[in-house]
């Protein structure tokens, strides 16, 4: 059994990050789906679609939902899943976060949630003066 991963993002973000992460790591070690949330769409229909996607991914271990921007529609849809399923949500999806999740694919839901958040935060760095990188 392993955690399912659901990327709920604005159009194109999840698919692009997933492709790059899989290319860099060499494979995709978890069951994963991407759900694009269009700028115009019926949120009730999208919520039902997200719920079905999460249910499809959950083998009993839970689902980690990664979203691109906290407070935006994809994040709001994701947060509603936590009341219906065994799901955790981490916002601020970036490439280091997704790679970190892949590297700790055998962790349980709680541990993987913290690894995702940590990987995302550690992936954000301020570049200093020219030549310092």
C-alpha atoms as a PDB file:
ATOM      1  CA  UNK A   1       0.000   0.000   0.000  1.00  0.00           C
ATOM      2  CA  UNK A   2       1.175   3.511  -0.712  1.00  0.00           C
ATOM      3  CA  UNK A   3      -0.027   7.063  -0.587  1.00  0.00           C
ATOM      4  CA  UNK A   4      -1.864   8.412  -3.636  1.00  0.00           C
ATOM      5  CA  UNK A   5      -0.858  11.855  -4.883  1.00  0.00           C
ATOM      6  CA  UNK A   6      -3.353  14.281  -6.406  1.00  0.00           C
ATOM      7  CA  UNK A   7      -2.096  17.507  -7.965  1.00  0.00           C
ATOM      8  CA  UNK A   8      -4.897  20.080  -8.106  1.00  0.00           C
ATOM      9  CA  UNK A   9      -3.634  23.168  -9.909  1.00  0.00           C
ATOM     10  CA  UNK A  10      -4.379  25.917 -12.341  1.00  0.00           C
ATOM     11  CA  UNK A  11      -4.222  24.644 -15.958  1.00  0.00           C
ATOM     12  CA  UNK A  12      -0.924  23.092 -17.047  1.00  0.00           C
ATOM     13  CA  UNK A  13       1.024  23.541 -13.809  1.00  0.00           C
ATOM     14  CA  UNK A  14       0.573  20.058 -12.351  1.00  0.00           C
ATOM     15  CA  UNK A  15       1.224  18.195 -15.614  1.00  0.00           C
ATOM     16  CA  UNK A  16       4.369  20.221 -16.327  1.00  0.00           C
ATOM     17  CA  UNK A  17       5.823  19.756 -12.855  1.00  0.00           C
ATOM     18  CA  UNK A  18       4.951  16.053 -12.880  1.00  0.00           C
ATOM     19  CA  UNK A  19       6.639  15.467 -16.223  1.00  0.00           C
ATOM     20  CA  UNK A  20       9.783  17.269 -15.102  1.00  0.00           C
ATOM     21  CA  UNK A  21       9.916  15.484 -11.738  1.00  0.00           C
ATOM     22  CA  UNK A  22       9.502  12.077 -13.405  1.00  0.00           C
ATOM     23  CA  UNK A  23      12.222  12.928 -15.931  1.00  0.00           C
ATOM     24  CA  UNK A  24      14.624  14.047 -13.195  1.00  0.00           C
ATOM     25  CA  UNK A  25      13.967  11.134 -10.842  1.00  0.00           C
ATOM     26  CA  UNK A  26      13.736   8.590 -13.650  1.00  0.00           C
ATOM     27  CA  UNK A  27      10.304   7.257 -12.755  1.00  0.00           C
ATOM     28  CA  UNK A  28       7.098   8.059 -10.940  1.00  0.00           C
ATOM     29  CA  UNK A  29       7.131   5.930  -7.764  1.00  0.00           C
ATOM     30  CA  UNK A  30       3.566   6.702  -6.624  1.00  0.00           C
ATOM     31  CA  UNK A  31       0.049   6.578  -8.016  1.00  0.00           C
ATOM     32  CA  UNK A  32      -0.521  10.134  -9.122  1.00  0.00           C
ATOM     33  CA  UNK A  33      -3.134  12.146 -10.997  1.00  0.00           C
ATOM     34  CA  UNK A  34      -3.331  15.762 -12.095  1.00  0.00           C
ATOM     35  CA  UNK A  35      -6.529  17.770 -12.026  1.00  0.00           C
ATOM     36  CA  UNK A  36      -6.518  21.122 -13.817  1.00  0.00           C
ATOM     37  CA  UNK A  37      -8.985  23.654 -12.452  1.00  0.00           C
ATOM     38  CA  UNK A  38     -10.045  26.052 -15.212  1.00  0.00           C
ATOM     39  CA  UNK A  39     -10.495  29.726 -14.435  1.00  0.00           C
ATOM     40  CA  UNK A  40     -14.133  29.410 -15.412  1.00  0.00           C
ATOM     41  CA  UNK A  41     -15.893  26.291 -14.190  1.00  0.00           C
ATOM     42  CA  UNK A  42     -18.623  24.962 -11.961  1.00  0.00           C
ATOM     43  CA  UNK A  43     -16.972  24.472  -8.579  1.00  0.00           C
ATOM     44  CA  UNK A  44     -19.525  21.842  -7.518  1.00  0.00           C
ATOM     45  CA  UNK A  45     -18.725  19.714 -10.568  1.00  0.00           C
ATOM     46  CA  UNK A  46     -14.996  20.240 -10.025  1.00  0.00           C
ATOM     47  CA  UNK A  47     -15.320  19.297  -6.356  1.00  0.00           C
ATOM     48  CA  UNK A  48     -17.044  16.039  -7.304  1.00  0.00           C
ATOM     49  CA  UNK A  49     -14.344  15.326  -9.885  1.00  0.00           C
ATOM     50  CA  UNK A  50     -11.627  15.958  -7.296  1.00  0.00           C
ATOM     51  CA  UNK A  51     -13.370  13.656  -4.827  1.00  0.00           C
ATOM     52  CA  UNK A  52     -13.622  10.858  -7.406  1.00  0.00           C
ATOM     53  CA  UNK A  53      -9.961  11.292  -8.343  1.00  0.00           C
ATOM     54  CA  UNK A  54      -8.883  11.131  -4.699  1.00  0.00           C
ATOM     55  CA  UNK A  55     -11.039   8.052  -4.085  1.00  0.00           C
ATOM     56  CA  UNK A  56      -9.478   6.345  -7.125  1.00  0.00           C
ATOM     57  CA  UNK A  57      -5.996   7.029  -5.733  1.00  0.00           C
ATOM     58  CA  UNK A  58      -6.683   5.926  -2.162  1.00  0.00           C
ATOM     59  CA  UNK A  59      -5.837   2.288  -1.499  1.00  0.00           C
ATOM     60  CA  UNK A  60      -6.474   2.781   2.211  1.00  0.00           C
ATOM     61  CA  UNK A  61      -3.233   4.652   2.915  1.00  0.00           C
ATOM     62  CA  UNK A  62      -4.661   8.097   2.196  1.00  0.00           C
ATOM     63  CA  UNK A  63      -4.057  10.798  -0.370  1.00  0.00           C
ATOM     64  CA  UNK A  64      -1.663  13.714  -0.348  1.00  0.00           C
ATOM     65  CA  UNK A  65      -3.115  16.606  -2.318  1.00  0.00           C
ATOM     66  CA  UNK A  66      -0.665  19.199  -3.604  1.00  0.00           C
ATOM     67  CA  UNK A  67      -1.940  22.558  -4.853  1.00  0.00           C
ATOM     68  CA  UNK A  68      -0.232  25.517  -6.446  1.00  0.00           C
ATOM     69  CA  UNK A  69      -1.538  28.567  -4.551  1.00  0.00           C
ATOM     70  CA  UNK A  70      -3.124  28.673  -1.104  1.00  0.00           C
ATOM     71  CA  UNK A  71      -6.501  30.415  -1.101  1.00  0.00           C
ATOM     72  CA  UNK A  72      -7.083  29.996  -4.839  1.00  0.00           C
ATOM     73  CA  UNK A  73      -9.850  27.790  -6.224  1.00  0.00           C
ATOM     74  CA  UNK A  74      -7.649  24.659  -6.618  1.00  0.00           C
ATOM     75  CA  UNK A  75      -6.579  24.947  -2.985  1.00  0.00           C
ATOM     76  CA  UNK A  76     -10.140  25.540  -1.796  1.00  0.00           C
ATOM     77  CA  UNK A  77     -11.334  22.444  -3.660  1.00  0.00           C
ATOM     78  CA  UNK A  78      -8.454  20.429  -2.196  1.00  0.00           C
ATOM     79  CA  UNK A  79      -9.158  21.563   1.369  1.00  0.00           C
ATOM     80  CA  UNK A  80     -12.747  20.348   1.105  1.00  0.00           C
ATOM     81  CA  UNK A  81     -11.427  16.823   0.489  1.00  0.00           C
ATOM     82  CA  UNK A  82      -9.984  16.649   3.991  1.00  0.00           C
ATOM     83  CA  UNK A  83     -13.487  16.534   5.439  1.00  0.00           C
ATOM     84  CA  UNK A  84     -14.563  13.685   3.149  1.00  0.00           C
ATOM     85  CA  UNK A  85     -11.475  11.467   2.872  1.00  0.00           C
ATOM     86  CA  UNK A  86      -8.217  10.556   4.555  1.00  0.00           C
ATOM     87  CA  UNK A  87      -6.368  13.368   2.809  1.00  0.00           C
ATOM     88  CA  UNK A  88      -3.828  16.033   3.646  1.00  0.00           C
ATOM     89  CA  UNK A  89      -3.236  19.171   1.598  1.00  0.00           C
ATOM     90  CA  UNK A  90      -0.003  21.094   1.021  1.00  0.00           C
ATOM     91  CA  UNK A  91      -0.097  24.314  -1.001  1.00  0.00           C
ATOM     92  CA  UNK A  92       2.728  26.046  -2.826  1.00  0.00           C
ATOM     93  CA  UNK A  93       3.554  23.174  -5.175  1.00  0.00           C
ATOM     94  CA  UNK A  94       6.998  23.445  -6.705  1.00  0.00           C
ATOM     95  CA  UNK A  95       9.488  21.073  -8.327  1.00  0.00           C
ATOM     96  CA  UNK A  96      11.615  20.479  -5.182  1.00  0.00           C
ATOM     97  CA  UNK A  97       8.445  19.574  -3.260  1.00  0.00           C
ATOM     98  CA  UNK A  98       7.411  16.977  -5.817  1.00  0.00           C
ATOM     99  CA  UNK A  99      10.899  15.476  -6.044  1.00  0.00           C
ATOM    100  CA  UNK A 100      11.018  15.225  -2.239  1.00  0.00           C
ATOM    101  CA  UNK A 101       7.695  13.370  -2.275  1.00  0.00           C
ATOM    102  CA  UNK A 102       9.072  10.948  -4.860  1.00  0.00           C
ATOM    103  CA  UNK A 103      12.207  10.356  -2.761  1.00  0.00           C
ATOM    104  CA  UNK A 104      10.142   9.439   0.306  1.00  0.00           C
ATOM    105  CA  UNK A 105       7.414   7.461  -1.464  1.00  0.00           C
ATOM    106  CA  UNK A 106       7.298   4.755   1.226  1.00  0.00           C
ATOM    107  CA  UNK A 107       6.478   7.169   4.077  1.00  0.00           C
ATOM    108  CA  UNK A 108       3.015   7.245   5.637  1.00  0.00           C
ATOM    109  CA  UNK A 109       0.610  10.114   4.976  1.00  0.00           C
ATOM    110  CA  UNK A 110       1.660  12.267   7.929  1.00  0.00           C
ATOM    111  CA  UNK A 111       5.386  11.895   7.292  1.00  0.00           C
ATOM    112  CA  UNK A 112       5.012  12.447   3.547  1.00  0.00           C
ATOM    113  CA  UNK A 113       2.938  15.573   4.180  1.00  0.00           C
ATOM    114  CA  UNK A 114       5.738  17.042   6.285  1.00  0.00           C
ATOM    115  CA  UNK A 115       8.402  15.987   3.775  1.00  0.00           C
ATOM    116  CA  UNK A 116       6.430  17.710   0.984  1.00  0.00           C
ATOM    117  CA  UNK A 117       6.165  20.961   2.931  1.00  0.00           C
ATOM    118  CA  UNK A 118       9.814  20.834   3.958  1.00  0.00           C
ATOM    119  CA  UNK A 119      10.979  20.091   0.415  1.00  0.00           C
ATOM    120  CA  UNK A 120       8.917  22.953  -0.954  1.00  0.00           C
ATOM    121  CA  UNK A 121      10.242  25.439   1.592  1.00  0.00           C
ATOM    122  CA  UNK A 122      13.869  24.335   1.238  1.00  0.00           C
ATOM    123  CA  UNK A 123      13.536  24.689  -2.525  1.00  0.00           C
ATOM    124  CA  UNK A 124      12.918  28.411  -2.145  1.00  0.00           C
ATOM    125  CA  UNK A 125      16.155  30.346  -1.910  1.00  0.00           C
ATOM    126  CA  UNK A 126      17.080  33.981  -2.459  1.00  0.00           C
ATOM    127  CA  UNK A 127      19.897  34.323  -4.971  1.00  0.00           C
ATOM    128  CA  UNK A 128      22.571  36.639  -3.662  1.00  0.00           C
ATOM    129  CA  UNK A 129      24.950  38.913  -5.508  1.00  0.00           C
ATOM    130  CA  UNK A 130      26.178  37.944  -8.941  1.00  0.00           C
ATOM    131  CA  UNK A 131      28.607  35.041  -8.774  1.00  0.00           C
ATOM    132  CA  UNK A 132      27.539  33.971  -5.282  1.00  0.00           C
ATOM    133  CA  UNK A 133      25.407  31.064  -6.487  1.00  0.00           C
END
